[in-house]
Protein backbone atom coordinates (compact mmCIF):
# COMPACT_ATOMS: atom_id res chain seq x y z
CA UNK A 1 56.18 81.47 151.55
CA UNK A 2 59.19 82.58 149.53
CA UNK A 3 58.73 83.30 145.85
CA UNK A 4 60.05 80.35 143.81
CA UNK A 5 63.23 80.84 141.81
CA UNK A 6 63.04 80.01 138.11
CA UNK A 7 65.96 77.75 137.24
CA UNK A 8 68.21 78.49 134.31
CA UNK A 9 69.01 75.92 131.62
CA UNK A 10 72.49 75.56 133.11
CA UNK A 11 71.07 74.91 136.59
CA UNK A 12 68.65 72.34 135.18
CA UNK A 13 71.47 70.52 133.38
CA UNK A 14 73.23 70.23 136.73
CA UNK A 15 70.15 69.21 138.71
CA UNK A 16 68.44 66.75 136.35
CA UNK A 17 71.02 63.95 136.65
CA UNK A 18 70.38 63.99 140.41
CA UNK A 19 66.61 63.60 139.98
CA UNK A 20 66.58 59.89 139.29
CA UNK A 21 63.58 58.83 137.22
CA UNK A 22 62.40 62.37 136.52
CA UNK A 23 62.16 63.85 133.02
CA UNK A 24 62.16 67.45 131.83
CA UNK A 25 60.10 68.20 128.73
CA UNK A 26 58.29 71.35 127.61
CA UNK A 27 59.55 73.12 130.75
CA UNK A 28 57.77 70.59 133.01
CA UNK A 29 59.04 67.90 135.37
CA UNK A 30 57.35 64.52 135.22
CA UNK A 31 57.79 61.02 136.55
CA UNK A 32 55.68 57.88 136.45
CA UNK A 33 55.11 55.91 139.65
CA UNK A 34 53.57 52.44 139.69
CA UNK A 35 51.52 50.93 142.51
CA UNK A 36 49.80 47.60 143.07
CA UNK A 37 46.36 49.17 142.99
CA UNK A 38 44.38 52.40 143.06
CA UNK A 39 44.13 52.45 146.87
CA UNK A 40 47.93 52.33 147.23
CA UNK A 41 48.31 55.14 144.72
CA UNK A 42 45.92 57.33 146.71
CA UNK A 43 47.72 56.49 149.94
CA UNK A 44 50.92 57.77 148.36
CA UNK A 45 49.49 61.20 147.55
CA UNK A 46 46.76 61.59 150.24
CA UNK A 47 48.81 62.09 153.38
CA UNK A 48 47.92 65.09 155.48
CA UNK A 49 47.17 68.53 154.15
CA UNK A 50 50.01 70.99 154.69
CA UNK A 51 50.35 74.73 154.27
CA UNK A 52 52.19 74.07 151.01
CA UNK A 53 49.20 72.13 149.66
CA UNK A 54 47.02 75.16 150.35
CA UNK A 55 49.53 77.50 148.71
CA UNK A 56 49.70 75.30 145.61
CA UNK A 57 45.90 75.14 145.45
CA UNK A 58 45.69 78.94 145.67
CA UNK A 59 48.34 79.36 142.98
CA UNK A 60 46.60 76.92 140.64
CA UNK A 61 43.29 78.72 141.13
CA UNK A 62 44.93 82.08 140.51
CA UNK A 63 46.63 80.91 137.32
CA UNK A 64 43.38 79.36 136.10
CA UNK A 65 41.39 82.54 136.77
CA UNK A 66 43.99 84.62 134.93
CA UNK A 67 43.58 82.45 131.83
CA UNK A 68 39.79 82.91 131.70
C-alpha cells in the first residue's frame, strides 16, 4: 500500500467544498450519518473485510503501541 500523502492547507481548502457534509476540525475529518436503527447503522459499516481494513487496523495498533 502506498504511503499516504499529507495534504497542505491549500489542498484542503480546495478539497473540502467537494466533500459535501464533511467537516474539518483539529486536523480531522468528520461527518454524522443518521439511520433508522442500530442494525441499519451496522449494515452500513459492516460490509466485507478488505485489505485496506487490515492495513488500517495494523496502523491503529502501531500508533497505539507507540503512545504507550
